[in-house]
N, C-alpha and C. Protein backbone atom coordinates (compact mmCIF):
# COMPACT_ATOMS: atom_id res chain seq x y z
N UNK A 1 95.24 93.01 153.72
CA UNK A 1 95.18 94.14 153.19
C UNK A 1 96.78 94.41 151.90
N UNK A 2 97.75 93.37 152.28
CA UNK A 2 98.96 93.87 151.86
C UNK A 2 98.62 92.76 150.96
N UNK A 3 98.45 91.97 150.97
CA UNK A 3 98.04 91.12 149.97
C UNK A 3 97.58 91.32 148.93
N UNK A 4 96.20 92.13 149.35
CA UNK A 4 95.22 93.09 147.83
C UNK A 4 95.86 93.69 147.36
N UNK A 5 96.86 94.65 148.01
CA UNK A 5 97.74 95.83 147.15
C UNK A 5 98.61 95.08 146.26
N UNK A 6 99.09 94.22 146.80
CA UNK A 6 100.18 93.21 145.98
C UNK A 6 99.60 93.22 144.82
N UNK A 7 98.55 92.53 144.96
CA UNK A 7 97.57 91.17 143.60
C UNK A 7 97.24 92.45 142.32
N UNK A 8 96.69 93.81 143.25
CA UNK A 8 96.39 95.15 142.55
C UNK A 8 97.50 95.66 141.11
N UNK A 9 98.54 95.61 142.40
CA UNK A 9 99.71 95.98 141.26
C UNK A 9 100.16 95.04 140.41
N UNK A 10 100.02 93.50 140.69
CA UNK A 10 100.48 92.85 139.26
C UNK A 10 99.31 92.86 138.39
N UNK A 11 98.23 92.83 139.02
CA UNK A 11 97.36 93.26 137.71
C UNK A 11 97.72 94.08 136.71
N UNK A 12 97.82 95.02 137.61
CA UNK A 12 97.94 96.56 136.71
C UNK A 12 98.91 96.54 136.19
N UNK A 13 99.88 95.84 136.42
CA UNK A 13 101.28 95.58 135.54
C UNK A 13 101.70 94.79 134.70
N UNK A 14 100.28 93.65 135.02
CA UNK A 14 99.79 92.83 133.47
C UNK A 14 99.63 93.23 132.79
N UNK A 15 98.44 94.35 133.02
CA UNK A 15 97.73 94.92 131.78
C UNK A 15 98.48 96.01 131.11
N UNK A 16 99.09 96.65 132.15
CA UNK A 16 100.05 97.64 130.96
C UNK A 16 100.96 96.52 130.61
N UNK A 17 101.43 95.92 130.63
CA UNK A 17 102.34 94.72 129.74
C UNK A 17 101.71 94.33 128.57
N UNK A 18 100.63 93.96 128.77
CA UNK A 18 99.59 93.31 127.50
C UNK A 18 99.23 93.75 126.50
N UNK A 19 99.39 95.82 127.20
CA UNK A 19 99.22 96.67 126.09
C UNK A 19 99.99 96.65 125.86
N UNK A 20 101.14 96.73 126.28
CA UNK A 20 102.41 97.06 125.40
C UNK A 20 102.84 95.85 124.53
N UNK A 21 102.70 94.73 124.73
CA UNK A 21 102.55 93.35 123.75
C UNK A 21 102.07 94.00 122.35
N UNK A 22 100.32 94.28 123.03
CA UNK A 22 99.73 94.14 121.97
C UNK A 22 99.81 95.11 120.83
N UNK A 23 100.42 96.45 121.57
CA UNK A 23 100.91 97.07 120.84
C UNK A 23 102.31 97.09 119.55
N UNK A 24 103.10 96.43 120.51
CA UNK A 24 103.97 95.94 119.45
C UNK A 24 103.44 95.06 118.63
N UNK A 25 102.65 94.16 118.94
CA UNK A 25 102.48 93.23 117.77
C UNK A 25 101.39 93.67 116.52
N UNK A 26 100.57 94.81 116.99
CA UNK A 26 100.17 95.54 115.71
C UNK A 26 101.13 96.34 115.04
N UNK A 27 101.92 96.86 115.99
CA UNK A 27 103.14 97.48 114.56
C UNK A 27 103.57 96.64 114.48
N UNK A 28 103.78 95.56 114.58
CA UNK A 28 104.86 94.72 113.46
C UNK A 28 103.67 93.82 112.45
N UNK A 29 102.44 93.57 112.52
CA UNK A 29 101.61 93.55 111.57
C UNK A 29 101.63 94.00 110.73
N UNK A 30 101.29 95.99 111.60
CA UNK A 30 101.28 96.38 110.09
C UNK A 30 102.02 97.26 108.70
N UNK A 31 103.19 96.40 109.79
CA UNK A 31 104.46 96.68 108.77
C UNK A 31 104.36 96.11 108.11
N UNK A 32 104.25 94.26 108.07
CA UNK A 32 104.39 93.60 107.28
C UNK A 32 103.05 93.33 106.41
N UNK A 33 102.16 94.05 106.49
CA UNK A 33 100.94 94.09 105.53
C UNK A 33 101.28 94.98 104.92
N UNK A 34 102.08 96.54 105.30
CA UNK A 34 102.87 97.33 104.08
C UNK A 34 103.88 96.53 103.43
N UNK A 35 104.41 96.13 103.68
CA UNK A 35 105.73 95.43 102.64
C UNK A 35 105.11 94.40 102.24
N UNK A 36 103.87 93.44 102.34
CA UNK A 36 103.55 93.00 101.40
C UNK A 36 102.44 93.13 100.54
N UNK A 37 101.72 94.78 100.99
CA UNK A 37 101.51 95.32 100.22
C UNK A 37 102.34 96.16 98.56
N UNK A 38 103.64 96.38 99.07
CA UNK A 38 104.34 97.29 98.08
C UNK A 38 104.88 96.16 97.11
N UNK A 39 104.96 94.73 98.63
CA UNK A 39 105.82 93.91 97.39
C UNK A 39 104.60 93.18 96.14
N UNK A 40 103.69 93.60 96.35
CA UNK A 40 102.00 93.20 95.23
C UNK A 40 102.36 93.91 94.30
N UNK A 41 102.25 95.67 94.36
CA UNK A 41 102.20 96.42 94.05
C UNK A 41 103.97 96.29 93.02
N UNK A 42 104.91 95.87 93.58
CA UNK A 42 105.66 95.60 92.55
C UNK A 42 105.36 94.87 91.26
N UNK A 43 105.58 93.81 91.83
CA UNK A 43 105.00 92.30 91.45
C UNK A 43 103.77 92.67 90.30
N UNK A 44 102.63 93.55 90.47
CA UNK A 44 101.81 94.12 89.49
C UNK A 44 102.06 95.19 88.13
N UNK A 45 102.95 96.39 89.10
CA UNK A 45 103.52 96.62 87.65
C UNK A 45 104.83 96.12 87.38
N UNK A 46 105.56 95.61 87.67
CA UNK A 46 106.78 94.67 86.95
C UNK A 46 105.78 93.94 85.44
N UNK A 47 104.57 93.00 85.91
CA UNK A 47 104.05 92.31 85.03
C UNK A 47 103.29 93.38 83.57
N UNK A 48 102.67 93.81 84.47
CA UNK A 48 102.15 95.41 83.28
C UNK A 48 103.33 95.94 82.68
N UNK A 49 104.40 96.10 83.05
CA UNK A 49 105.55 96.70 82.90
C UNK A 49 106.27 95.77 80.97
N UNK A 50 106.30 94.73 81.64
CA UNK A 50 106.34 93.86 80.43
C UNK A 50 106.01 93.54 79.22
N UNK A 51 104.00 93.70 79.94
CA UNK A 51 103.43 93.80 78.15
C UNK A 51 103.18 94.68 77.52
N UNK A 52 103.32 95.67 78.47
CA UNK A 52 103.52 97.24 77.84
C UNK A 52 104.49 97.27 76.77
N UNK A 53 105.91 96.36 77.27
CA UNK A 53 107.31 97.19 76.48
C UNK A 53 107.16 96.24 75.24
N UNK A 54 106.22 94.88 75.72
CA UNK A 54 105.85 94.22 74.12
C UNK A 54 104.89 94.69 73.39
N UNK A 55 104.34 95.01 73.97
CA UNK A 55 103.28 96.58 72.94
C UNK A 55 104.01 97.27 72.20
N UNK A 56 104.71 98.26 73.15
CA UNK A 56 105.28 99.39 72.43
C UNK A 56 106.31 99.06 71.18
N UNK A 57 106.96 97.70 71.20
CA UNK A 57 107.77 97.00 70.39
C UNK A 57 106.98 96.82 69.04
N UNK A 58 106.07 96.44 69.53
CA UNK A 58 105.07 95.38 67.83
C UNK A 58 104.74 96.66 67.56
N UNK A 59 103.69 97.45 68.08
CA UNK A 59 103.32 98.86 67.45
C UNK A 59 104.42 100.18 67.47
N UNK A 60 105.16 100.18 67.68
CA UNK A 60 106.12 100.94 67.33
C UNK A 60 106.67 100.29 66.14
N UNK A 61 107.11 99.13 65.74
CA UNK A 61 107.63 98.61 64.56
C UNK A 61 106.91 98.70 63.55
N UNK A 62 105.12 98.09 64.07
CA UNK A 62 104.29 98.76 63.23
C UNK A 62 104.08 99.77 62.57
N UNK A 63 103.92 101.19 63.61
CA UNK A 63 103.94 102.35 63.54
C UNK A 63 104.92 102.97 62.53
N UNK A 64 105.96 102.50 62.27
CA UNK A 64 107.17 102.60 61.82
C UNK A 64 107.18 102.53 60.47
N UNK A 65 106.36 101.70 60.06
CA UNK A 65 106.48 101.35 58.68
C UNK A 65 105.09 101.91 58.21
N UNK A 66 104.17 102.60 58.98
CA UNK A 66 103.57 102.65 58.68
C UNK A 66 103.43 104.12 58.31
N UNK A 67 104.19 104.63 58.75
CA UNK A 67 104.66 106.34 58.38
C UNK A 67 105.97 106.35 57.69
N UNK A 68 106.52 105.50 57.16
CA UNK A 68 107.17 105.56 55.79
C UNK A 68 106.11 105.10 55.10
N UNK A 69 104.91 104.59 54.92
CA UNK A 69 104.08 104.24 53.73
C UNK A 69 103.43 106.02 53.37
N UNK A 70 103.22 106.21 54.62
CA UNK A 70 102.51 107.50 54.58
C UNK A 70 103.17 109.01 53.82
N UNK A 71 104.80 108.80 54.32
CA UNK A 71 105.52 109.87 53.54
C UNK A 71 105.82 109.32 51.91
N UNK A 72 105.88 107.93 51.28
CA UNK A 72 105.93 107.72 49.99
C UNK A 72 104.56 107.83 49.40
N UNK A 73 103.33 108.27 50.26
CA UNK A 73 102.14 108.60 49.88
C UNK A 73 102.27 109.74 49.23
N UNK A 74 102.78 110.59 50.31
CA UNK A 74 102.66 111.96 50.54
C UNK A 74 102.80 112.70 49.08
N UNK A 75 104.10 111.72 48.77
CA UNK A 75 105.55 112.04 47.49
C UNK A 75 104.55 111.63 46.55
N UNK A 76 103.97 110.44 46.48
CA UNK A 76 103.64 109.91 45.06
C UNK A 76 102.55 110.80 45.15
N UNK A 77 101.11 111.54 46.02
CA UNK A 77 99.70 111.37 45.17
C UNK A 77 99.90 112.85 45.28
N UNK A 78 100.07 114.00 46.48
CA UNK A 78 100.77 115.26 46.58
C UNK A 78 102.14 116.02 45.43
N UNK A 79 102.43 114.78 45.14
CA UNK A 79 103.69 115.59 44.52
C UNK A 79 104.76 116.32 45.10
N UNK A 80 104.71 115.96 46.80
CA UNK A 80 106.15 116.70 47.22
C UNK A 80 107.09 116.36 46.87
N UNK A 81 108.52 116.99 47.24
CA UNK A 81 109.63 116.07 47.40
C UNK A 81 109.68 115.62 48.47
N UNK A 82 110.70 114.48 48.47
CA UNK A 82 110.86 113.64 49.69
C UNK A 82 110.89 114.13 50.88
N UNK A 83 111.87 114.96 50.93
CA UNK A 83 112.28 115.97 51.63
C UNK A 83 111.36 116.10 52.60
N UNK A 84 110.53 116.60 51.69
CA UNK A 84 109.04 117.40 52.39
C UNK A 84 108.29 116.65 52.59
N UNK A 85 107.95 115.64 51.59
CA UNK A 85 107.18 114.43 53.12
C UNK A 85 107.44 114.16 54.35
N UNK A 86 108.63 113.39 54.34
CA UNK A 86 109.24 113.69 55.33
C UNK A 86 109.00 114.78 56.74
N UNK A 87 109.52 115.75 56.14
CA UNK A 87 109.75 117.05 56.98
C UNK A 87 107.59 117.46 57.52
N UNK A 88 106.93 116.64 56.53
CA UNK A 88 105.72 117.30 57.23
C UNK A 88 105.46 116.01 58.29
N UNK A 89 105.54 115.07 57.89
CA UNK A 89 105.35 113.63 59.01
C UNK A 89 106.14 113.56 60.12
N UNK A 90 107.46 114.00 59.96
CA UNK A 90 107.84 114.39 61.26
C UNK A 90 107.63 115.44 61.95
N UNK A 91 107.11 116.80 61.36
CA UNK A 91 106.59 117.97 62.05
C UNK A 91 105.54 117.37 63.13
N UNK A 92 104.37 116.74 62.56
CA UNK A 92 103.18 116.09 62.98
C UNK A 92 103.66 115.48 64.35
N UNK A 93 104.57 114.23 64.00
CA UNK A 93 104.96 113.70 64.98
C UNK A 93 105.42 114.05 66.36
N UNK A 94 106.53 115.31 65.90
CA UNK A 94 107.32 115.62 67.09
C UNK A 94 105.81 116.38 67.85
N UNK A 95 104.90 117.38 66.91
CA UNK A 95 103.89 117.98 68.02
C UNK A 95 103.15 116.73 68.58
N UNK A 96 102.68 115.53 68.18
CA UNK A 96 101.73 115.01 69.23
C UNK A 96 102.90 114.38 69.69
N UNK A 97 103.69 114.16 69.79
CA UNK A 97 104.78 113.18 71.16
C UNK A 97 104.78 114.51 72.13
N UNK A 98 105.10 115.85 71.75
CA UNK A 98 105.15 116.89 72.79
C UNK A 98 103.89 116.69 74.02
N UNK A 99 102.92 116.54 72.83
CA UNK A 99 101.52 116.52 73.77
C UNK A 99 101.54 115.91 75.02
N UNK A 100 102.02 114.44 73.94
CA UNK A 100 101.62 113.10 75.17
C UNK A 100 102.96 113.28 76.60
N UNK A 101 104.20 113.73 75.75
CA UNK A 101 105.33 113.85 77.24
C UNK A 101 104.18 115.04 77.73
N UNK A 102 103.73 116.22 77.76
CA UNK A 102 103.20 116.99 78.70
C UNK A 102 102.55 116.28 79.35
N UNK A 103 100.99 115.65 79.16
CA UNK A 103 100.00 114.94 79.49
C UNK A 103 100.25 114.31 80.33
N UNK A 104 101.63 113.01 80.17
CA UNK A 104 101.99 111.76 81.08
C UNK A 104 102.62 112.71 82.34
N UNK A 105 103.25 114.36 81.80
CA UNK A 105 104.58 114.52 83.28
C UNK A 105 103.39 115.13 83.99
N UNK A 106 101.98 115.72 83.58
CA UNK A 106 100.82 116.05 84.60
C UNK A 106 100.11 115.08 85.70
N UNK A 107 100.08 113.67 84.70
CA UNK A 107 100.30 112.47 85.14
C UNK A 107 101.02 112.41 86.37
N UNK A 108 101.78 111.78 86.13
CA UNK A 108 103.46 111.12 87.01
C UNK A 108 103.34 112.31 88.24
N UNK A 109 102.95 113.67 88.37
CA UNK A 109 102.85 114.80 89.56
C UNK A 109 102.21 114.24 90.50
N UNK A 110 101.09 113.57 89.86
CA UNK A 110 100.15 113.29 90.75
C UNK A 110 100.24 111.89 91.44
N UNK A 111 101.08 111.04 91.05
CA UNK A 111 101.11 109.89 91.56
C UNK A 111 101.27 109.45 92.70
N UNK A 112 101.06 108.83 93.26
CA UNK A 112 101.16 107.99 94.81
C UNK A 112 101.14 106.87 95.24
N UNK A 113 103.01 106.90 94.90
CA UNK A 113 103.30 105.15 95.08
C UNK A 113 102.69 104.17 95.99
N UNK A 114 102.51 105.02 98.02
CA UNK A 114 102.39 104.48 98.49
C UNK A 114 101.10 103.77 98.72
N UNK A 115 100.91 102.94 99.29
CA UNK A 115 99.19 102.19 99.68
C UNK A 115 98.65 103.40 100.86
N UNK A 116 97.42 103.91 100.35
CA UNK A 116 97.13 104.63 101.38
C UNK A 116 96.76 103.81 102.01
N UNK A 117 95.61 102.67 102.24
CA UNK A 117 95.11 102.36 103.80
C UNK A 117 96.46 101.96 104.46
N UNK A 118 97.44 101.39 104.66
CA UNK A 118 98.44 100.61 104.95
C UNK A 118 98.97 101.73 105.66
N UNK A 119 99.54 102.74 104.92
CA UNK A 119 99.76 104.10 105.78
C UNK A 119 99.03 104.35 106.59
N UNK A 120 97.79 104.82 106.05
CA UNK A 120 97.11 105.88 106.81
C UNK A 120 97.07 105.05 108.17
N UNK A 121 96.74 103.53 108.47
CA UNK A 121 96.60 102.78 109.38
C UNK A 121 98.12 102.54 110.43
N UNK A 122 99.11 102.36 109.70
CA UNK A 122 100.03 102.81 110.45
C UNK A 122 100.41 104.10 110.74
N UNK A 123 100.16 105.48 110.46
CA UNK A 123 100.29 106.58 110.57
C UNK A 123 99.73 107.13 112.09
N UNK A 124 98.30 106.15 111.87
CA UNK A 124 97.20 106.66 113.50
C UNK A 124 97.43 105.82 114.21
N UNK A 125 98.67 104.67 113.90
CA UNK A 125 99.00 104.10 115.53
C UNK A 125 100.15 104.38 115.84
N UNK A 126 101.13 105.45 114.68
CA UNK A 126 101.88 106.33 115.64
C UNK A 126 101.74 107.32 116.15
N UNK A 127 100.55 108.03 115.98
CA UNK A 127 100.17 108.97 116.06
C UNK A 127 99.52 108.63 117.67
N UNK A 128 98.39 107.61 118.09
CA UNK A 128 98.33 107.00 119.12
C UNK A 128 99.72 106.79 120.52
N UNK A 129 100.34 106.34 119.61
CA UNK A 129 101.55 105.93 120.31
C UNK A 129 102.46 106.99 121.18
N UNK A 130 102.44 107.57 120.63
CA UNK A 130 103.11 108.41 120.52
C UNK A 130 102.37 109.85 121.05
N UNK A 131 101.25 110.01 121.12
CA UNK A 131 100.62 111.02 122.01
C UNK A 131 98.84 110.19 122.55
N UNK A 132 99.45 108.75 123.50
CA UNK A 132 97.97 108.14 123.62
C UNK A 132 96.65 109.19 124.61
N UNK A 133 96.64 110.15 124.11
CA UNK A 133 95.42 111.12 125.13
C UNK A 133 93.98 110.28 124.90
């Protein structure tokens, strides 16, 4: 009879120990998954950023030349003074830039940089560990 109780305690202890080990392993795996997700997102953002910077430089140079063309076109065709042509083109650009800035700020406020699935799974496991009901 004493042997049965000892075997049951060892079995229960082994089960609890196994559950704790599994829980720790699960947390480590989820932390590694979250870390890998973040690294992947950073690499993708870096690649996209390099492409966007190159595109921005080329578009900016081309756009600048087209704006000078527009200024001189207004000066020649509409017979505006050169400073007036620069003022009109500059004002339109400032207005468009302000609108673009406002829209970009609105989008940035709704940005969530964390990987949602990994973070949610980790949060659920933390809740389970702290409150295992």
